[in-house]
Amino acid sequence: MKADNKDHLKGTGLFMTGFLTEIALIQSMMRSKTLTVMVIVGVIFFRRLFLFFV
């Protein structure tokens, strides 16, 4: 198999399992400190909001 075909199959498999978005987010977070802080703050906010309603 060519390298392009392997990359395409890998991307398709990740997309079908739903992990492509998470992997892209993690890769972006590794490059951006601001995005990392925003994601952490968002997770904390939604966790507290969920605990408030329960």
PDB file of N, CA and C in Angstrom:
ATOM      1  N   MET A   1       0.842  -1.185   0.000  1.00  0.00           N
ATOM      2  CA  MET A   1       0.000   0.000   0.000  1.00  0.00           C
ATOM      3  C   MET A   1       0.884   1.244   0.000  1.00  0.00           C
ATOM      4  N   LYS A   2       0.396   2.242  -0.649  1.00  0.00           N
ATOM      5  CA  LYS A   2       1.106   3.518  -0.655  1.00  0.00           C
ATOM      6  C   LYS A   2       0.834   4.247   0.652  1.00  0.00           C
ATOM      7  N   ALA A   3       1.722   5.171   0.979  1.00  0.00           N
ATOM      8  CA  ALA A   3       1.581   5.932   2.220  1.00  0.00           C
ATOM      9  C   ALA A   3       0.301   6.764   2.212  1.00  0.00           C
ATOM     10  N   ASP A   4      -0.072   7.293   1.048  1.00  0.00           N
ATOM     11  CA  ASP A   4      -1.297   8.103   0.957  1.00  0.00           C
ATOM     12  C   ASP A   4      -2.528   7.265   1.276  1.00  0.00           C
ATOM     13  N   ASN A   5      -2.543   6.035   0.783  1.00  0.00           N
ATOM     14  CA  ASN A   5      -3.679   5.156   1.051  1.00  0.00           C
ATOM     15  C   ASN A   5      -3.776   4.808   2.528  1.00  0.00           C
ATOM     16  N   LYS A   6      -2.630   4.578   3.162  1.00  0.00           N
ATOM     17  CA  LYS A   6      -2.628   4.257   4.590  1.00  0.00           C
ATOM     18  C   LYS A   6      -3.156   5.432   5.403  1.00  0.00           C
ATOM     19  N   ASP A   7      -2.699   6.647   5.059  1.00  0.00           N
ATOM     20  CA  ASP A   7      -3.178   7.840   5.768  1.00  0.00           C
ATOM     21  C   ASP A   7      -4.678   8.035   5.572  1.00  0.00           C
ATOM     22  N   HIS A   8      -5.144   7.790   4.355  1.00  0.00           N
ATOM     23  CA  HIS A   8      -6.572   7.944   4.065  1.00  0.00           C
ATOM     24  C   HIS A   8      -7.394   6.917   4.852  1.00  0.00           C
ATOM     25  N   LEU A   9      -6.935   5.667   4.874  1.00  0.00           N
ATOM     26  CA  LEU A   9      -7.648   4.630   5.625  1.00  0.00           C
ATOM     27  C   LEU A   9      -7.631   4.916   7.125  1.00  0.00           C
ATOM     28  N   LYS A  10      -6.501   5.398   7.616  1.00  0.00           N
ATOM     29  CA  LYS A  10      -6.402   5.729   9.037  1.00  0.00           C
ATOM     30  C   LYS A  10      -7.362   6.872   9.387  1.00  0.00           C
ATOM     31  N   GLY A  11      -7.392   7.906   8.553  1.00  0.00           N
ATOM     32  CA  GLY A  11      -8.296   9.028   8.780  1.00  0.00           C
ATOM     33  C   GLY A  11      -9.753   8.612   8.705  1.00  0.00           C
ATOM     34  N   THR A  12     -10.076   7.747   7.753  1.00  0.00           N
ATOM     35  CA  THR A  12     -11.452   7.265   7.621  1.00  0.00           C
ATOM     36  C   THR A  12     -11.856   6.444   8.838  1.00  0.00           C
ATOM     37  N   GLY A  13     -10.951   5.586   9.296  1.00  0.00           N
ATOM     38  CA  GLY A  13     -11.245   4.772  10.474  1.00  0.00           C
ATOM     39  C   GLY A  13     -11.453   5.628  11.710  1.00  0.00           C
ATOM     40  N   LEU A  14     -10.606   6.623  11.894  1.00  0.00           N
ATOM     41  CA  LEU A  14     -10.759   7.517  13.043  1.00  0.00           C
ATOM     42  C   LEU A  14     -12.045   8.319  12.955  1.00  0.00           C
ATOM     43  N   PHE A  15     -12.403   8.756  11.745  1.00  0.00           N
ATOM     44  CA  PHE A  15     -13.628   9.519  11.559  1.00  0.00           C
ATOM     45  C   PHE A  15     -14.846   8.671  11.882  1.00  0.00           C
ATOM     46  N   MET A  16     -14.836   7.424  11.443  1.00  0.00           N
ATOM     47  CA  MET A  16     -15.984   6.551  11.663  1.00  0.00           C
ATOM     48  C   MET A  16     -16.139   6.180  13.138  1.00  0.00           C
ATOM     49  N   THR A  17     -15.049   6.113  13.876  1.00  0.00           N
ATOM     50  CA  THR A  17     -15.147   5.790  15.289  1.00  0.00           C
ATOM     51  C   THR A  17     -15.389   7.029  16.146  1.00  0.00           C
ATOM     52  N   GLY A  18     -15.256   8.210  15.562  1.00  0.00           N
ATOM     53  CA  GLY A  18     -15.524   9.443  16.295  1.00  0.00           C
ATOM     54  C   GLY A  18     -14.320  10.011  17.004  1.00  0.00           C
ATOM     55  N   PHE A  19     -13.139   9.462  16.765  1.00  0.00           N
ATOM     56  CA  PHE A  19     -11.952   9.936  17.466  1.00  0.00           C
ATOM     57  C   PHE A  19     -11.176  11.002  16.710  1.00  0.00           C
ATOM     58  N   LEU A  20     -11.540  11.271  15.468  1.00  0.00           N
ATOM     59  CA  LEU A  20     -10.799  12.237  14.669  1.00  0.00           C
ATOM     60  C   LEU A  20     -10.864  13.630  15.297  1.00  0.00           C
ATOM     61  N   THR A  21     -12.028  14.013  15.795  1.00  0.00           N
ATOM     62  CA  THR A  21     -12.188  15.331  16.408  1.00  0.00           C
ATOM     63  C   THR A  21     -11.347  15.457  17.667  1.00  0.00           C
ATOM     64  N   GLU A  22     -11.360  14.418  18.502  1.00  0.00           N
ATOM     65  CA  GLU A  22     -10.596  14.464  19.742  1.00  0.00           C
ATOM     66  C   GLU A  22      -9.102  14.519  19.465  1.00  0.00           C
ATOM     67  N   ILE A  23      -8.656  13.757  18.487  1.00  0.00           N
ATOM     68  CA  ILE A  23      -7.232  13.763  18.153  1.00  0.00           C
ATOM     69  C   ILE A  23      -6.823  15.125  17.611  1.00  0.00           C
ATOM     70  N   ALA A  24      -7.650  15.723  16.779  1.00  0.00           N
ATOM     71  CA  ALA A  24      -7.347  17.050  16.243  1.00  0.00           C
ATOM     72  C   ALA A  24      -7.327  18.084  17.358  1.00  0.00           C
ATOM     73  N   LEU A  25      -8.243  17.971  18.316  1.00  0.00           N
ATOM     74  CA  LEU A  25      -8.254  18.906  19.447  1.00  0.00           C
ATOM     75  C   LEU A  25      -6.989  18.758  20.281  1.00  0.00           C
ATOM     76  N   ILE A  26      -6.582  17.541  20.562  1.00  0.00           N
ATOM     77  CA  ILE A  26      -5.373  17.315  21.361  1.00  0.00           C
ATOM     78  C   ILE A  26      -4.144  17.848  20.639  1.00  0.00           C
ATOM     79  N   GLN A  27      -4.067  17.639  19.329  1.00  0.00           N
ATOM     80  CA  GLN A  27      -2.928  18.158  18.570  1.00  0.00           C
ATOM     81  C   GLN A  27      -2.915  19.681  18.599  1.00  0.00           C
ATOM     82  N   SER A  28      -4.066  20.303  18.484  1.00  0.00           N
ATOM     83  CA  SER A  28      -4.140  21.768  18.542  1.00  0.00           C
ATOM     84  C   SER A  28      -3.795  22.276  19.938  1.00  0.00           C
ATOM     85  N   MET A  29      -4.227  21.535  20.966  1.00  0.00           N
ATOM     86  CA  MET A  29      -3.924  21.952  22.335  1.00  0.00           C
ATOM     87  C   MET A  29      -2.435  21.864  22.625  1.00  0.00           C
ATOM     88  N   MET A  30      -1.733  20.929  22.004  1.00  0.00           N
ATOM     89  CA  MET A  30      -0.286  20.823  22.199  1.00  0.00           C
ATOM     90  C   MET A  30       0.441  22.033  21.636  1.00  0.00           C
ATOM     91  N   ARG A  31      -0.153  22.672  20.624  1.00  0.00           N
ATOM     92  CA  ARG A  31       0.489  23.821  19.990  1.00  0.00           C
ATOM     93  C   ARG A  31       0.060  25.156  20.604  1.00  0.00           C
ATOM     94  N   SER A  32      -1.078  25.184  21.298  1.00  0.00           N
ATOM     95  CA  SER A  32      -1.635  26.459  21.759  1.00  0.00           C
ATOM     96  C   SER A  32      -1.909  26.424  23.263  1.00  0.00           C
ATOM     97  N   LYS A  33      -1.212  27.271  23.989  1.00  0.00           N
ATOM     98  CA  LYS A  33      -1.440  27.371  25.433  1.00  0.00           C
ATOM     99  C   LYS A  33      -2.818  27.972  25.721  1.00  0.00           C
ATOM    100  N   THR A  34      -3.227  28.945  24.913  1.00  0.00           N
ATOM    101  CA  THR A  34      -4.513  29.602  25.113  1.00  0.00           C
ATOM    102  C   THR A  34      -5.664  28.610  24.947  1.00  0.00           C
ATOM    103  N   LEU A  35      -5.599  27.783  23.925  1.00  0.00           N
ATOM    104  CA  LEU A  35      -6.643  26.789  23.705  1.00  0.00           C
ATOM    105  C   LEU A  35      -6.693  25.793  24.855  1.00  0.00           C
ATOM    106  N   THR A  36      -5.526  25.406  25.353  1.00  0.00           N
ATOM    107  CA  THR A  36      -5.476  24.470  26.473  1.00  0.00           C
ATOM    108  C   THR A  36      -6.168  25.061  27.702  1.00  0.00           C
ATOM    109  N   VAL A  37      -5.891  26.317  27.997  1.00  0.00           N
ATOM    110  CA  VAL A  37      -6.515  26.978  29.145  1.00  0.00           C
ATOM    111  C   VAL A  37      -8.019  27.101  28.934  1.00  0.00           C
ATOM    112  N   MET A  38      -8.440  27.446  27.720  1.00  0.00           N
ATOM    113  CA  MET A  38      -9.866  27.584  27.436  1.00  0.00           C
ATOM    114  C   MET A  38     -10.596  26.256  27.600  1.00  0.00           C
ATOM    115  N   VAL A  39      -9.988  25.164  27.151  1.00  0.00           N
ATOM    116  CA  VAL A  39     -10.621  23.859  27.283  1.00  0.00           C
ATOM    117  C   VAL A  39     -10.718  23.463  28.757  1.00  0.00           C
ATOM    118  N   ILE A  40      -9.670  23.685  29.516  1.00  0.00           N
ATOM    119  CA  ILE A  40      -9.690  23.340  30.946  1.00  0.00           C
ATOM    120  C   ILE A  40     -10.748  24.154  31.681  1.00  0.00           C
ATOM    121  N   VAL A  41     -10.818  25.448  31.414  1.00  0.00           N
ATOM    122  CA  VAL A  41     -11.820  26.305  32.057  1.00  0.00           C
ATOM    123  C   VAL A  41     -13.224  25.870  31.652  1.00  0.00           C
ATOM    124  N   GLY A  42     -13.415  25.531  30.388  1.00  0.00           N
ATOM    125  CA  GLY A  42     -14.724  25.081  29.928  1.00  0.00           C
ATOM    126  C   GLY A  42     -15.155  23.788  30.591  1.00  0.00           C
ATOM    127  N   VAL A  43     -14.237  22.853  30.732  1.00  0.00           N
ATOM    128  CA  VAL A  43     -14.560  21.582  31.392  1.00  0.00           C
ATOM    129  C   VAL A  43     -14.932  21.829  32.848  1.00  0.00           C
ATOM    130  N   ILE A  44     -14.171  22.668  33.533  1.00  0.00           N
ATOM    131  CA  ILE A  44     -14.474  22.984  34.936  1.00  0.00           C
ATOM    132  C   ILE A  44     -15.839  23.662  35.045  1.00  0.00           C
ATOM    133  N   PHE A  45     -16.122  24.607  34.145  1.00  0.00           N
ATOM    134  CA  PHE A  45     -17.392  25.319  34.166  1.00  0.00           C
ATOM    135  C   PHE A  45     -18.568  24.367  33.978  1.00  0.00           C
ATOM    136  N   PHE A  46     -18.500  23.512  32.959  1.00  0.00           N
ATOM    137  CA  PHE A  46     -19.614  22.600  32.701  1.00  0.00           C
ATOM    138  C   PHE A  46     -19.743  21.539  33.784  1.00  0.00           C
ATOM    139  N   ARG A  47     -18.650  21.147  34.395  1.00  0.00           N
ATOM    140  CA  ARG A  47     -18.726  20.178  35.493  1.00  0.00           C
ATOM    141  C   ARG A  47     -19.440  20.799  36.689  1.00  0.00           C
ATOM    142  N   ARG A  48     -19.071  22.036  37.007  1.00  0.00           N
ATOM    143  CA  ARG A  48     -19.731  22.707  38.131  1.00  0.00           C
ATOM    144  C   ARG A  48     -21.200  22.976  37.834  1.00  0.00           C
ATOM    145  N   LEU A  49     -21.502  23.330  36.601  1.00  0.00           N
ATOM    146  CA  LEU A  49     -22.886  23.561  36.215  1.00  0.00           C
ATOM    147  C   LEU A  49     -23.697  22.272  36.344  1.00  0.00           C
ATOM    148  N   PHE A  50     -23.123  21.165  35.905  1.00  0.00           N
ATOM    149  CA  PHE A  50     -23.794  19.868  36.021  1.00  0.00           C
ATOM    150  C   PHE A  50     -24.000  19.513  37.490  1.00  0.00           C
ATOM    151  N   LEU A  51     -22.986  19.713  38.318  1.00  0.00           N
ATOM    152  CA  LEU A  51     -23.129  19.395  39.755  1.00  0.00           C
ATOM    153  C   LEU A  51     -24.149  20.300  40.420  1.00  0.00           C
ATOM    154  N   PHE A  52     -24.279  21.541  39.945  1.00  0.00           N
ATOM    155  CA  PHE A  52     -25.253  22.472  40.501  1.00  0.00           C
ATOM    156  C   PHE A  52     -26.677  21.981  40.247  1.00  0.00           C
ATOM    157  N   PHE A  53     -26.924  21.440  39.067  1.00  0.00           N
ATOM    158  CA  PHE A  53     -28.260  20.977  38.707  1.00  0.00           C
ATOM    159  C   PHE A  53     -28.602  19.623  39.306  1.00  0.00           C
ATOM    160  N   VAL A  54     -27.609  18.873  39.714  1.00  0.00           N
ATOM    161  CA  VAL A  54     -27.889  17.527  40.265  1.00  0.00           C
ATOM    162  C   VAL A  54     -28.076  17.587  41.731  1.00  0.00           C
TER     163      VAL A  54
END
